């Protein structure tokens, strides 16, 4: 698992129901220190400070800082503030649901496509470029992705961006091997977070998983399993794993067609 007492950065916090928060919680349970990043103060105030799951004392005890990954100056300043770190989590993705997602793949909203690509894929390279000088003893980077080898209905340009994100993972793994920094991705099944449920067709994805996952998949509970996989990849027990996409999806990614009734748990 992760190294106790070391500092890990988890970027992309939205609320206490997010995968980012679950990963941070897992890291802390294994003795690590966590620095969270939120895009800006407004989002923290709207989505996190009003949490019904955490007390104000619990919120105040968290180390939450601000960083907009589309602003390179902010990224640079953010990592200058963290000091030495041992690991980094990229739990960041966005595409305008009105133009990049939905029933029709084709769109003339090219600027929205570029913005989604920058936030969802390019930002991984941006943050690693500014983070790795602060990982002097090596370390690990984990990005969160979703099954990108298949085209799902309504997921559209976000599916394209996830494929690009996984390509960035492989390129960075090659570049930073000499720095003893490992770069991997965790491909999670559908999880009912605030961000995910705003995706058109999310319910359809959830229903699809009920048909194709060999292991039972609960969209409300499995974020803990995703977080545990990320925590494993962050630590020294995974020190020879890099450039990989690890699937934590109940096995859905290996199934052809649907599970037969007699195959279900």
C-alpha atoms as a PDB file:
ATOM      1  CA  UNK A   1       0.000   0.000   0.000  1.00  0.00           C
ATOM      2  CA  UNK A   2       1.033   3.640   0.220  1.00  0.00           C
ATOM      3  CA  UNK A   3       3.880   4.731   2.467  1.00  0.00           C
ATOM      4  CA  UNK A   4       2.757   5.970   5.866  1.00  0.00           C
ATOM      5  CA  UNK A   5       3.631   9.586   6.593  1.00  0.00           C
ATOM      6  CA  UNK A   6       4.204  10.476   2.922  1.00  0.00           C
ATOM      7  CA  UNK A   7       2.208  13.174   1.139  1.00  0.00           C
ATOM      8  CA  UNK A   8      -0.146  12.437  -1.756  1.00  0.00           C
ATOM      9  CA  UNK A   9      -2.029  14.914  -3.930  1.00  0.00           C
ATOM     10  CA  UNK A  10      -5.574  14.133  -5.100  1.00  0.00           C
ATOM     11  CA  UNK A  11      -6.771  16.518  -7.802  1.00  0.00           C
ATOM     12  CA  UNK A  12     -10.361  16.940  -8.922  1.00  0.00           C
ATOM     13  CA  UNK A  13     -12.311  16.958  -5.656  1.00  0.00           C
ATOM     14  CA  UNK A  14     -15.950  17.945  -6.124  1.00  0.00           C
ATOM     15  CA  UNK A  15     -17.853  16.714  -3.084  1.00  0.00           C
ATOM     16  CA  UNK A  16     -17.726  14.044  -0.389  1.00  0.00           C
ATOM     17  CA  UNK A  17     -19.440  11.582  -2.742  1.00  0.00           C
ATOM     18  CA  UNK A  18     -16.736  11.814  -5.412  1.00  0.00           C
ATOM     19  CA  UNK A  19     -14.188   9.144  -6.312  1.00  0.00           C
ATOM     20  CA  UNK A  20     -11.459  11.684  -5.517  1.00  0.00           C
ATOM     21  CA  UNK A  21     -12.695  11.950  -1.936  1.00  0.00           C
ATOM     22  CA  UNK A  22     -12.911   8.153  -1.621  1.00  0.00           C
ATOM     23  CA  UNK A  23      -9.298   7.831  -2.800  1.00  0.00           C
ATOM     24  CA  UNK A  24      -8.142  10.473  -0.332  1.00  0.00           C
ATOM     25  CA  UNK A  25      -9.978   8.658   2.448  1.00  0.00           C
ATOM     26  CA  UNK A  26      -8.305   5.364   1.496  1.00  0.00           C
ATOM     27  CA  UNK A  27      -4.867   7.004   1.463  1.00  0.00           C
ATOM     28  CA  UNK A  28      -5.416   8.450   4.933  1.00  0.00           C
ATOM     29  CA  UNK A  29      -6.656   5.119   6.263  1.00  0.00           C
ATOM     30  CA  UNK A  30      -3.287   3.662   5.225  1.00  0.00           C
ATOM     31  CA  UNK A  31      -1.342   6.403   6.986  1.00  0.00           C
ATOM     32  CA  UNK A  32      -0.703   8.867   4.174  1.00  0.00           C
ATOM     33  CA  UNK A  33      -1.154  12.621   4.199  1.00  0.00           C
ATOM     34  CA  UNK A  34      -3.508  14.049   1.569  1.00  0.00           C
ATOM     35  CA  UNK A  35      -3.673  17.385  -0.204  1.00  0.00           C
ATOM     36  CA  UNK A  36      -6.858  17.827  -2.223  1.00  0.00           C
ATOM     37  CA  UNK A  37      -7.339  20.239  -5.086  1.00  0.00           C
ATOM     38  CA  UNK A  38     -10.602  21.890  -6.140  1.00  0.00           C
ATOM     39  CA  UNK A  39     -10.915  23.976  -9.294  1.00  0.00           C
ATOM     40  CA  UNK A  40     -11.907  27.140  -7.422  1.00  0.00           C
ATOM     41  CA  UNK A  41     -13.423  28.469  -4.207  1.00  0.00           C
ATOM     42  CA  UNK A  42     -16.881  28.791  -5.757  1.00  0.00           C
ATOM     43  CA  UNK A  43     -17.110  25.067  -6.565  1.00  0.00           C
ATOM     44  CA  UNK A  44     -15.905  24.165  -3.076  1.00  0.00           C
ATOM     45  CA  UNK A  45     -18.533  26.399  -1.537  1.00  0.00           C
ATOM     46  CA  UNK A  46     -21.346  25.007  -3.702  1.00  0.00           C
ATOM     47  CA  UNK A  47     -20.536  21.299  -3.765  1.00  0.00           C
ATOM     48  CA  UNK A  48     -18.320  20.570  -0.756  1.00  0.00           C
ATOM     49  CA  UNK A  49     -19.020  23.027   2.041  1.00  0.00           C
ATOM     50  CA  UNK A  50     -22.734  22.154   1.935  1.00  0.00           C
ATOM     51  CA  UNK A  51     -22.081  18.447   2.352  1.00  0.00           C
ATOM     52  CA  UNK A  52     -24.567  16.640   4.566  1.00  0.00           C
ATOM     53  CA  UNK A  53     -22.134  13.768   5.090  1.00  0.00           C
ATOM     54  CA  UNK A  54     -19.379  15.761   6.827  1.00  0.00           C
ATOM     55  CA  UNK A  55     -19.415  18.128   9.759  1.00  0.00           C
ATOM     56  CA  UNK A  56     -17.875  21.576   9.441  1.00  0.00           C
ATOM     57  CA  UNK A  57     -15.097  20.374  11.747  1.00  0.00           C
ATOM     58  CA  UNK A  58     -14.340  17.453   9.423  1.00  0.00           C
ATOM     59  CA  UNK A  59     -14.297  19.759   6.409  1.00  0.00           C
ATOM     60  CA  UNK A  60     -12.015  22.226   8.174  1.00  0.00           C
ATOM     61  CA  UNK A  61      -9.565  19.415   8.992  1.00  0.00           C
ATOM     62  CA  UNK A  62      -9.025  18.637   5.300  1.00  0.00           C
ATOM     63  CA  UNK A  63      -6.141  20.201   3.354  1.00  0.00           C
ATOM     64  CA  UNK A  64      -8.030  21.616   0.362  1.00  0.00           C
ATOM     65  CA  UNK A  65      -6.318  23.980  -2.078  1.00  0.00           C
ATOM     66  CA  UNK A  66      -7.375  25.556  -5.368  1.00  0.00           C
ATOM     67  CA  UNK A  67      -6.047  24.765  -8.820  1.00  0.00           C
ATOM     68  CA  UNK A  68      -7.563  25.273 -12.264  1.00  0.00           C
ATOM     69  CA  UNK A  69      -5.648  22.817 -14.459  1.00  0.00           C
ATOM     70  CA  UNK A  70      -6.294  24.931 -17.571  1.00  0.00           C
ATOM     71  CA  UNK A  71      -4.199  27.732 -16.031  1.00  0.00           C
ATOM     72  CA  UNK A  72      -0.552  26.649 -16.086  1.00  0.00           C
ATOM     73  CA  UNK A  73       0.501  29.393 -13.699  1.00  0.00           C
ATOM     74  CA  UNK A  74      -1.939  28.019 -11.123  1.00  0.00           C
ATOM     75  CA  UNK A  75      -0.641  24.483 -11.618  1.00  0.00           C
ATOM     76  CA  UNK A  76       2.946  25.623 -11.135  1.00  0.00           C
ATOM     77  CA  UNK A  77       2.071  27.601  -7.998  1.00  0.00           C
ATOM     78  CA  UNK A  78       0.017  24.712  -6.624  1.00  0.00           C
ATOM     79  CA  UNK A  79       2.897  22.233  -6.732  1.00  0.00           C
ATOM     80  CA  UNK A  80       5.327  24.802  -5.379  1.00  0.00           C
ATOM     81  CA  UNK A  81       3.020  24.941  -2.344  1.00  0.00           C
ATOM     82  CA  UNK A  82       2.874  21.169  -1.775  1.00  0.00           C
ATOM     83  CA  UNK A  83       6.556  20.526  -1.162  1.00  0.00           C
ATOM     84  CA  UNK A  84       7.806  16.979  -1.734  1.00  0.00           C
ATOM     85  CA  UNK A  85       5.127  14.443  -2.669  1.00  0.00           C
ATOM     86  CA  UNK A  86       5.111  10.680  -3.231  1.00  0.00           C
ATOM     87  CA  UNK A  87       2.013  10.309  -5.358  1.00  0.00           C
ATOM     88  CA  UNK A  88      -0.550  12.114  -7.440  1.00  0.00           C
ATOM     89  CA  UNK A  89      -4.130  11.315  -8.484  1.00  0.00           C
ATOM     90  CA  UNK A  90      -5.765  12.855 -11.563  1.00  0.00           C
ATOM     91  CA  UNK A  91      -9.544  12.611 -11.093  1.00  0.00           C
ATOM     92  CA  UNK A  92     -10.434  15.340 -13.564  1.00  0.00           C
ATOM     93  CA  UNK A  93     -12.711  15.368 -16.577  1.00  0.00           C
ATOM     94  CA  UNK A  94     -15.291  17.632 -18.167  1.00  0.00           C
ATOM     95  CA  UNK A  95     -17.192  17.989 -21.425  1.00  0.00           C
ATOM     96  CA  UNK A  96     -20.111  20.314 -22.047  1.00  0.00           C
ATOM     97  CA  UNK A  97     -23.090  17.919 -21.850  1.00  0.00           C
ATOM     98  CA  UNK A  98     -25.147  20.096 -24.212  1.00  0.00           C
ATOM     99  CA  UNK A  99     -22.651  19.903 -27.076  1.00  0.00           C
ATOM    100  CA  UNK A 100     -20.188  17.051 -26.461  1.00  0.00           C
ATOM    101  CA  UNK A 101     -22.553  14.445 -25.008  1.00  0.00           C
ATOM    102  CA  UNK A 102     -26.060  13.278 -25.830  1.00  0.00           C
ATOM    103  CA  UNK A 103     -27.983  11.677 -28.666  1.00  0.00           C
ATOM    104  CA  UNK A 104     -25.923  13.161 -31.521  1.00  0.00           C
ATOM    105  CA  UNK A 105     -22.162  12.683 -31.851  1.00  0.00           C
ATOM    106  CA  UNK A 106     -21.667  15.364 -34.533  1.00  0.00           C
ATOM    107  CA  UNK A 107     -21.333  18.942 -33.319  1.00  0.00           C
ATOM    108  CA  UNK A 108     -19.975  22.235 -34.578  1.00  0.00           C
ATOM    109  CA  UNK A 109     -18.986  23.272 -31.021  1.00  0.00           C
ATOM    110  CA  UNK A 110     -15.273  22.888 -31.771  1.00  0.00           C
ATOM    111  CA  UNK A 111     -14.181  25.128 -28.897  1.00  0.00           C
ATOM    112  CA  UNK A 112     -16.125  22.931 -26.472  1.00  0.00           C
ATOM    113  CA  UNK A 113     -14.379  19.858 -27.894  1.00  0.00           C
ATOM    114  CA  UNK A 114     -10.967  21.526 -27.477  1.00  0.00           C
ATOM    115  CA  UNK A 115     -11.785  22.583 -23.931  1.00  0.00           C
ATOM    116  CA  UNK A 116     -12.936  19.072 -22.998  1.00  0.00           C
ATOM    117  CA  UNK A 117      -9.765  17.571 -24.494  1.00  0.00           C
ATOM    118  CA  UNK A 118      -7.584  20.005 -22.556  1.00  0.00           C
ATOM    119  CA  UNK A 119      -9.321  19.388 -19.224  1.00  0.00           C
ATOM    120  CA  UNK A 120      -9.839  15.642 -19.559  1.00  0.00           C
ATOM    121  CA  UNK A 121      -6.597  14.506 -21.215  1.00  0.00           C
ATOM    122  CA  UNK A 122      -3.956  17.195 -21.718  1.00  0.00           C
ATOM    123  CA  UNK A 123      -4.216  18.294 -18.090  1.00  0.00           C
ATOM    124  CA  UNK A 124      -2.609  15.019 -16.968  1.00  0.00           C
ATOM    125  CA  UNK A 125       0.583  15.946 -18.815  1.00  0.00           C
ATOM    126  CA  UNK A 126       0.356  19.509 -17.494  1.00  0.00           C
ATOM    127  CA  UNK A 127       0.167  18.508 -13.848  1.00  0.00           C
ATOM    128  CA  UNK A 128       2.837  15.802 -14.149  1.00  0.00           C
ATOM    129  CA  UNK A 129       5.228  18.298 -15.767  1.00  0.00           C
ATOM    130  CA  UNK A 130       4.969  20.529 -12.711  1.00  0.00           C
ATOM    131  CA  UNK A 131       4.647  17.734 -10.141  1.00  0.00           C
ATOM    132  CA  UNK A 132       7.580  15.487 -10.995  1.00  0.00           C
ATOM    133  CA  UNK A 133      10.313  17.885  -9.775  1.00  0.00           C
ATOM    134  CA  UNK A 134       8.663  17.489  -6.353  1.00  0.00           C
ATOM    135  CA  UNK A 135       8.868  13.681  -6.538  1.00  0.00           C
ATOM    136  CA  UNK A 136      12.632  13.494  -6.061  1.00  0.00           C
ATOM    137  CA  UNK A 137      12.538   9.961  -4.641  1.00  0.00           C
ATOM    138  CA  UNK A 138      10.232   8.737  -7.403  1.00  0.00           C
ATOM    139  CA  UNK A 139       6.602   7.934  -6.912  1.00  0.00           C
ATOM    140  CA  UNK A 140       3.347   7.179  -8.652  1.00  0.00           C
ATOM    141  CA  UNK A 141       0.643   8.915 -10.664  1.00  0.00           C
ATOM    142  CA  UNK A 142      -2.847   7.464 -11.099  1.00  0.00           C
ATOM    143  CA  UNK A 143      -5.472   8.776 -13.529  1.00  0.00           C
ATOM    144  CA  UNK A 144      -9.161   7.852 -13.483  1.00  0.00           C
ATOM    145  CA  UNK A 145     -10.626   6.678 -16.781  1.00  0.00           C
ATOM    146  CA  UNK A 146     -13.610   4.794 -18.193  1.00  0.00           C
ATOM    147  CA  UNK A 147     -13.794   1.976 -20.766  1.00  0.00           C
ATOM    148  CA  UNK A 148     -12.512   3.714 -23.918  1.00  0.00           C
ATOM    149  CA  UNK A 149     -12.189   0.747 -26.277  1.00  0.00           C
ATOM    150  CA  UNK A 150     -15.953   0.723 -26.838  1.00  0.00           C
ATOM    151  CA  UNK A 151     -18.375   3.384 -28.050  1.00  0.00           C
ATOM    152  CA  UNK A 152     -21.205   3.830 -25.552  1.00  0.00           C
ATOM    153  CA  UNK A 153     -24.414   5.667 -26.429  1.00  0.00           C
ATOM    154  CA  UNK A 154     -24.412   9.392 -25.583  1.00  0.00           C
ATOM    155  CA  UNK A 155     -20.900   9.309 -24.044  1.00  0.00           C
ATOM    156  CA  UNK A 156     -19.550  10.633 -27.354  1.00  0.00           C
ATOM    157  CA  UNK A 157     -16.592  13.020 -27.008  1.00  0.00           C
ATOM    158  CA  UNK A 158     -15.871  12.061 -23.413  1.00  0.00           C
ATOM    159  CA  UNK A 159     -15.175   8.541 -24.669  1.00  0.00           C
ATOM    160  CA  UNK A 160     -12.725  10.026 -27.150  1.00  0.00           C
ATOM    161  CA  UNK A 161     -11.077  12.026 -24.374  1.00  0.00           C
ATOM    162  CA  UNK A 162     -10.727   8.978 -22.121  1.00  0.00           C
ATOM    163  CA  UNK A 163      -8.949   7.136 -24.945  1.00  0.00           C
ATOM    164  CA  UNK A 164      -6.633  10.129 -25.269  1.00  0.00           C
ATOM    165  CA  UNK A 165      -6.064  10.174 -21.506  1.00  0.00           C
ATOM    166  CA  UNK A 166      -4.931   6.542 -21.586  1.00  0.00           C
ATOM    167  CA  UNK A 167      -2.548   7.363 -24.442  1.00  0.00           C
ATOM    168  CA  UNK A 168      -1.109  10.209 -22.339  1.00  0.00           C
ATOM    169  CA  UNK A 169      -0.638   7.712 -19.473  1.00  0.00           C
ATOM    170  CA  UNK A 170       1.482   5.476 -21.706  1.00  0.00           C
ATOM    171  CA  UNK A 171       3.542   8.373 -23.085  1.00  0.00           C
ATOM    172  CA  UNK A 172       4.208   9.735 -19.597  1.00  0.00           C
ATOM    173  CA  UNK A 173       5.130   6.258 -18.308  1.00  0.00           C
ATOM    174  CA  UNK A 174       7.816   6.056 -20.966  1.00  0.00           C
ATOM    175  CA  UNK A 175       9.079   9.582 -20.290  1.00  0.00           C
ATOM    176  CA  UNK A 176       9.259   9.287 -16.498  1.00  0.00           C
ATOM    177  CA  UNK A 177      10.621   5.784 -16.041  1.00  0.00           C
ATOM    178  CA  UNK A 178      14.079   7.326 -15.661  1.00  0.00           C
ATOM    179  CA  UNK A 179      12.688   9.419 -12.787  1.00  0.00           C
ATOM    180  CA  UNK A 180      11.367   6.250 -11.081  1.00  0.00           C
ATOM    181  CA  UNK A 181       7.856   7.658 -11.434  1.00  0.00           C
ATOM    182  CA  UNK A 182       5.121   5.237 -12.455  1.00  0.00           C
ATOM    183  CA  UNK A 183       2.060   6.421 -14.389  1.00  0.00           C
ATOM    184  CA  UNK A 184      -1.064   4.243 -14.532  1.00  0.00           C
ATOM    185  CA  UNK A 185      -4.817   4.522 -14.972  1.00  0.00           C
ATOM    186  CA  UNK A 186      -7.755   2.922 -13.201  1.00  0.00           C
ATOM    187  CA  UNK A 187     -10.714   2.252 -15.480  1.00  0.00           C
ATOM    188  CA  UNK A 188     -13.761   2.159 -13.240  1.00  0.00           C
ATOM    189  CA  UNK A 189     -17.223   0.887 -13.951  1.00  0.00           C
ATOM    190  CA  UNK A 190     -20.045   3.437 -13.711  1.00  0.00           C
ATOM    191  CA  UNK A 191     -20.178   5.123 -10.302  1.00  0.00           C
ATOM    192  CA  UNK A 192     -23.125   7.287  -9.246  1.00  0.00           C
ATOM    193  CA  UNK A 193     -21.228  10.450  -8.322  1.00  0.00           C
ATOM    194  CA  UNK A 194     -22.504  13.998  -8.809  1.00  0.00           C
ATOM    195  CA  UNK A 195     -20.345  14.393 -11.925  1.00  0.00           C
ATOM    196  CA  UNK A 196     -21.291  11.028 -13.436  1.00  0.00           C
ATOM    197  CA  UNK A 197     -25.040  11.299 -12.949  1.00  0.00           C
ATOM    198  CA  UNK A 198     -25.038  14.566 -14.923  1.00  0.00           C
ATOM    199  CA  UNK A 199     -23.869  12.601 -17.992  1.00  0.00           C
ATOM    200  CA  UNK A 200     -26.742  11.960 -20.409  1.00  0.00           C
ATOM    201  CA  UNK A 201     -27.442   8.244 -20.524  1.00  0.00           C
ATOM    202  CA  UNK A 202     -25.791   7.428 -17.179  1.00  0.00           C
ATOM    203  CA  UNK A 203     -28.761   5.292 -16.151  1.00  0.00           C
ATOM    204  CA  UNK A 204     -28.382   3.360 -19.407  1.00  0.00           C
ATOM    205  CA  UNK A 205     -24.717   2.705 -18.563  1.00  0.00           C
ATOM    206  CA  UNK A 206     -25.658   1.508 -15.090  1.00  0.00           C
ATOM    207  CA  UNK A 207     -28.244  -0.872 -16.548  1.00  0.00           C
ATOM    208  CA  UNK A 208     -25.712  -2.126 -19.097  1.00  0.00           C
ATOM    209  CA  UNK A 209     -23.330  -3.084 -16.295  1.00  0.00           C
ATOM    210  CA  UNK A 210     -26.048  -5.177 -14.680  1.00  0.00           C
ATOM    211  CA  UNK A 211     -26.164  -7.207 -17.907  1.00  0.00           C
ATOM    212  CA  UNK A 212     -22.452  -7.579 -18.654  1.00  0.00           C
ATOM    213  CA  UNK A 213     -20.592  -7.609 -15.332  1.00  0.00           C
ATOM    214  CA  UNK A 214     -19.632 -11.128 -14.094  1.00  0.00           C
ATOM    215  CA  UNK A 215     -19.338  -9.772 -10.551  1.00  0.00           C
ATOM    216  CA  UNK A 216     -22.203  -7.799  -8.999  1.00  0.00           C
ATOM    217  CA  UNK A 217     -21.707  -4.058  -9.606  1.00  0.00           C
ATOM    218  CA  UNK A 218     -23.399  -1.476  -7.387  1.00  0.00           C
ATOM    219  CA  UNK A 219     -23.062   2.024  -8.826  1.00  0.00           C
ATOM    220  CA  UNK A 220     -23.562   3.556  -5.369  1.00  0.00           C
ATOM    221  CA  UNK A 221     -21.044   1.500  -3.401  1.00  0.00           C
ATOM    222  CA  UNK A 222     -18.147   0.448  -5.615  1.00  0.00           C
ATOM    223  CA  UNK A 223     -16.194   3.707  -5.370  1.00  0.00           C
ATOM    224  CA  UNK A 224     -14.454   2.165  -2.353  1.00  0.00           C
ATOM    225  CA  UNK A 225     -13.124  -0.660  -4.536  1.00  0.00           C
ATOM    226  CA  UNK A 226     -11.938   1.840  -7.139  1.00  0.00           C
ATOM    227  CA  UNK A 227     -10.242   3.868  -4.407  1.00  0.00           C
ATOM    228  CA  UNK A 228      -8.483   0.787  -3.028  1.00  0.00           C
ATOM    229  CA  UNK A 229      -7.067  -0.025  -6.475  1.00  0.00           C
ATOM    230  CA  UNK A 230      -5.767   3.529  -6.833  1.00  0.00           C
ATOM    231  CA  UNK A 231      -4.191   3.344  -3.380  1.00  0.00           C
ATOM    232  CA  UNK A 232      -2.450   0.100  -4.341  1.00  0.00           C
ATOM    233  CA  UNK A 233      -1.030   1.664  -7.522  1.00  0.00           C
ATOM    234  CA  UNK A 234       0.215   4.664  -5.556  1.00  0.00           C
ATOM    235  CA  UNK A 235       2.327   2.519  -3.254  1.00  0.00           C
ATOM    236  CA  UNK A 236       5.544   0.485  -3.448  1.00  0.00           C
ATOM    237  CA  UNK A 237       3.732  -2.866  -3.791  1.00  0.00           C
ATOM    238  CA  UNK A 238       3.056  -1.768  -7.386  1.00  0.00           C
ATOM    239  CA  UNK A 239       6.577  -0.515  -8.034  1.00  0.00           C
ATOM    240  CA  UNK A 240       7.008  -2.451 -11.305  1.00  0.00           C
ATOM    241  CA  UNK A 241       3.643  -1.510 -12.807  1.00  0.00           C
ATOM    242  CA  UNK A 242       3.612   1.441 -15.187  1.00  0.00           C
ATOM    243  CA  UNK A 243       1.823   2.539 -18.343  1.00  0.00           C
ATOM    244  CA  UNK A 244      -1.109   0.252 -17.582  1.00  0.00           C
ATOM    245  CA  UNK A 245      -4.865   0.651 -17.446  1.00  0.00           C
ATOM    246  CA  UNK A 246      -6.217  -1.457 -14.585  1.00  0.00           C
ATOM    247  CA  UNK A 247      -9.901  -2.311 -14.881  1.00  0.00           C
ATOM    248  CA  UNK A 248     -11.992  -2.148 -11.713  1.00  0.00           C
ATOM    249  CA  UNK A 249     -15.354  -2.782 -13.333  1.00  0.00           C
ATOM    250  CA  UNK A 250     -16.614  -6.128 -12.089  1.00  0.00           C
ATOM    251  CA  UNK A 251     -15.105  -7.790 -15.155  1.00  0.00           C
ATOM    252  CA  UNK A 252     -17.452  -6.124 -17.645  1.00  0.00           C
ATOM    253  CA  UNK A 253     -14.544  -5.162 -19.895  1.00  0.00           C
ATOM    254  CA  UNK A 254     -13.804  -8.798 -20.817  1.00  0.00           C
ATOM    255  CA  UNK A 255     -17.331  -9.930 -21.611  1.00  0.00           C
ATOM    256  CA  UNK A 256     -18.640 -10.515 -25.129  1.00  0.00           C
ATOM    257  CA  UNK A 257     -22.391  -9.941 -25.272  1.00  0.00           C
ATOM    258  CA  UNK A 258     -24.384 -10.279 -22.057  1.00  0.00           C
ATOM    259  CA  UNK A 259     -24.103 -12.602 -19.098  1.00  0.00           C
ATOM    260  CA  UNK A 260     -26.478 -15.549 -19.325  1.00  0.00           C
ATOM    261  CA  UNK A 261     -29.000 -16.059 -16.486  1.00  0.00           C
ATOM    262  CA  UNK A 262     -27.179 -19.169 -15.235  1.00  0.00           C
ATOM    263  CA  UNK A 263     -23.900 -17.207 -15.077  1.00  0.00           C
ATOM    264  CA  UNK A 264     -25.150 -14.533 -12.724  1.00  0.00           C
ATOM    265  CA  UNK A 265     -24.243 -14.424  -9.049  1.00  0.00           C
END
